[in-house]
Amino acid sequence: MTSFRDVLNQNRRNIEAAALRNTHVNEDGYATISKSDPWFYEDEWDTHYEELTKAEHRPGVAVS
């Protein structure tokens, strides 16, 4: 059976090339997300963070 690591190693060049083709880089060399990308407006983690923050400020509530 082939491990995931083996698959990655065997296909490293193709994987890196695909990642580079799909990555927008700004003038400073940082990978960025376009405002037109649906992921730009993804707020799931913001909602989760707000819920955790509220729970941390309630007395008697343990957050793990």
Protein backbone atom coordinates (compact mmCIF):
# COMPACT_ATOMS: atom_id res chain seq x y z
CA MET A 1 0.00 0.00 0.00
CA THR A 2 1.26 3.47 -0.90
CA SER A 3 1.33 6.01 1.92
CA PHE A 4 0.14 9.58 1.57
CA ARG A 5 3.72 10.74 2.09
CA ASP A 6 4.85 8.60 -0.85
CA VAL A 7 2.13 10.06 -3.08
CA LEU A 8 3.16 13.59 -2.09
CA ASN A 9 6.82 12.89 -2.70
CA GLN A 10 6.15 11.27 -6.08
CA ASN A 11 3.97 14.18 -7.21
CA ARG A 12 5.72 17.06 -5.45
CA ARG A 13 6.57 19.01 -8.63
CA ASN A 14 3.01 18.75 -9.99
CA ILE A 15 1.50 19.72 -6.63
CA GLU A 16 3.80 22.73 -6.23
CA ALA A 17 3.16 23.84 -9.83
CA ALA A 18 -0.62 23.65 -9.30
CA ALA A 19 -0.35 25.59 -6.04
CA LEU A 20 1.72 28.32 -7.71
CA ARG A 21 -0.75 28.60 -10.61
CA ASN A 22 -3.62 29.03 -8.14
CA THR A 23 -1.92 31.52 -5.82
CA HIS A 24 -2.16 35.28 -6.24
CA VAL A 25 0.95 37.04 -4.92
CA ASN A 26 1.02 40.78 -4.20
CA GLU A 27 3.91 43.14 -4.95
CA ASP A 28 5.47 42.32 -1.56
CA GLY A 29 5.52 38.61 -2.35
CA TYR A 30 2.71 37.65 0.03
CA ALA A 31 0.01 35.19 -1.01
CA THR A 32 -3.35 36.98 -0.98
CA ILE A 33 -7.03 36.24 -1.51
CA SER A 34 -8.89 38.33 -4.07
CA LYS A 35 -11.96 40.25 -2.86
CA SER A 36 -13.89 38.48 -5.63
CA ASP A 37 -13.03 35.07 -4.14
CA PRO A 38 -15.96 33.58 -2.18
CA TRP A 39 -13.54 32.57 0.59
CA PHE A 40 -12.73 36.25 1.18
CA TYR A 41 -16.14 36.71 2.82
CA GLU A 42 -16.07 33.43 4.77
CA ASP A 43 -17.14 34.28 8.30
CA GLU A 44 -17.51 30.87 9.93
CA TRP A 45 -14.38 31.33 12.04
CA ASP A 46 -15.39 34.83 13.09
CA THR A 47 -18.68 33.48 14.44
CA HIS A 48 -16.90 30.63 16.23
CA TYR A 49 -14.40 33.08 17.78
CA GLU A 50 -17.22 35.34 19.00
CA GLU A 51 -18.96 32.38 20.64
CA LEU A 52 -15.76 31.33 22.39
CA THR A 53 -15.08 34.88 23.55
CA LYS A 54 -18.58 35.21 24.99
CA ALA A 55 -18.22 31.86 26.79
CA GLU A 56 -14.89 32.93 28.30
CA HIS A 57 -16.49 36.01 29.85
CA ARG A 58 -19.38 34.17 31.50
CA PRO A 59 -18.63 33.19 35.09
CA GLY A 60 -18.74 29.48 35.78
CA VAL A 61 -18.36 28.44 32.16
CA ALA A 62 -15.33 26.37 31.28
CA VAL A 63 -13.92 26.59 27.77
CA SER A 64 -11.73 23.78 26.56
